[in-house]
Amino acid sequence: IVCIKAIGILLSKGAKIKAFDPKAIEGTKKELGNKIEYAGSIQDCLKDAELCLICTEWPEFKIVDFSGMKNKIVLDGKHILEKKDGIDYEGLCW
């Protein structure tokens, strides 16, 4: 729910959102419909992205290859990211 709210705020500011979550995608589609783009993988989601917002604790998000991003800015809302080299990283919340 927190990530849905964050997406809503970003959309209201004119952001284009591409999201990936292998476990919550159906719920997100019900909530947001076609307001955002849905990716089939982490790499597809990050391709040419300016910012990555991590809002989940799924294991596949612990080690991510950010090389496909346009800007490597990462906001980690769960403090799960293990490798932070080569990115502009900020851990949020706890």
Protein backbone atom coordinates (compact mmCIF):
# COMPACT_ATOMS: atom_id res chain seq x y z
CA ILE A 1 0.00 0.00 0.00
CA VAL A 2 2.86 2.40 0.78
CA CYS A 3 4.34 1.85 -2.67
CA ILE A 4 0.94 2.42 -4.32
CA LYS A 5 0.73 5.75 -2.50
CA ALA A 6 4.29 6.65 -3.54
CA ILE A 7 3.43 5.82 -7.16
CA GLY A 8 0.36 8.04 -6.93
CA ILE A 9 2.45 10.96 -5.70
CA LEU A 10 5.04 10.44 -8.43
CA LEU A 11 2.30 10.25 -11.10
CA SER A 12 0.79 13.51 -9.83
CA LYS A 13 4.22 15.12 -10.39
CA GLY A 14 4.35 13.89 -13.99
CA ALA A 15 6.60 10.85 -13.53
CA LYS A 16 6.42 7.92 -15.92
CA ILE A 17 6.36 4.72 -13.87
CA LYS A 18 7.45 1.23 -14.87
CA ALA A 19 6.95 -1.35 -12.13
CA PHE A 20 8.00 -4.91 -11.45
CA ASP A 21 6.96 -7.12 -8.56
CA PRO A 22 6.57 -10.83 -9.26
CA LYS A 23 4.24 -11.37 -6.32
CA ALA A 24 2.10 -8.19 -6.22
CA ILE A 25 1.67 -7.34 -9.88
CA GLU A 26 -1.98 -8.45 -10.11
CA GLY A 27 -2.99 -6.38 -7.09
CA THR A 28 -1.09 -3.41 -8.47
CA LYS A 29 -2.87 -3.77 -11.82
CA LYS A 30 -6.24 -3.78 -10.03
CA GLU A 31 -5.27 -0.64 -8.11
CA LEU A 32 -3.51 1.36 -10.84
CA GLY A 33 -4.73 -0.14 -14.12
CA ASN A 34 -3.01 1.38 -17.14
CA LYS A 35 -1.69 4.47 -15.29
CA ILE A 36 1.74 2.81 -15.21
CA GLU A 37 3.75 0.39 -17.34
CA TYR A 38 4.40 -3.15 -16.09
CA ALA A 39 7.73 -4.87 -16.67
CA GLY A 40 8.31 -8.61 -17.01
CA SER A 41 11.66 -8.55 -15.20
CA ILE A 42 13.86 -6.38 -13.00
CA GLN A 43 16.21 -5.66 -15.94
CA ASP A 44 13.31 -4.64 -18.18
CA CYS A 45 12.01 -2.38 -15.43
CA LEU A 46 15.36 -0.65 -14.95
CA LYS A 47 16.22 -0.18 -18.64
CA ASP A 48 16.82 3.57 -19.18
CA ALA A 49 15.31 4.40 -15.75
CA GLU A 50 16.34 7.56 -13.97
CA LEU A 51 15.39 6.31 -10.50
CA CYS A 52 14.77 2.96 -8.83
CA LEU A 53 12.47 2.76 -5.82
CA ILE A 54 12.61 -0.56 -3.97
CA CYS A 55 9.45 -1.19 -1.95
CA THR A 56 9.64 -4.93 -1.39
CA GLU A 57 11.76 -7.46 0.45
CA TRP A 58 11.66 -10.25 -2.16
CA PRO A 59 15.06 -11.99 -2.44
CA GLU A 60 15.49 -11.14 -6.13
CA PHE A 61 15.77 -7.46 -5.17
CA LYS A 62 18.75 -7.98 -2.84
CA ILE A 63 21.29 -8.15 -5.67
CA VAL A 64 20.34 -6.10 -8.72
CA ASP A 65 22.31 -5.12 -11.83
CA PHE A 66 21.72 -1.39 -12.28
CA SER A 67 23.90 -1.05 -15.39
CA GLY A 68 20.90 -0.51 -17.70
CA MET A 69 19.73 2.59 -15.88
CA LYS A 70 20.11 6.07 -17.35
CA ASN A 71 20.80 7.54 -13.89
CA LYS A 72 21.77 5.13 -11.16
CA ILE A 73 19.75 6.65 -8.31
CA VAL A 74 18.32 4.04 -5.93
CA LEU A 75 15.94 4.63 -3.03
CA ASP A 76 15.71 1.45 -0.97
CA GLY A 77 12.62 1.50 1.22
CA LYS A 78 13.40 -1.84 2.84
CA HIS A 79 17.20 -1.66 3.29
CA ILE A 80 17.65 -4.97 1.49
CA LEU A 81 20.13 -4.09 -1.24
CA GLU A 82 23.42 -5.94 -0.70
CA LYS A 83 25.60 -4.37 -3.42
CA LYS A 84 25.65 -0.59 -3.56
CA ASP A 85 28.76 0.00 -5.66
CA GLY A 86 28.35 2.27 -8.68
CA ILE A 87 24.98 3.73 -7.66
CA ASP A 88 23.76 6.80 -5.81
CA TYR A 89 22.09 4.97 -2.89
CA GLU A 90 19.77 6.11 -0.13
CA GLY A 91 18.15 3.76 2.35
CA LEU A 92 14.78 4.98 3.60
CA CYS A 93 12.81 4.29 6.78
CA TRP A 94 14.46 1.80 9.11
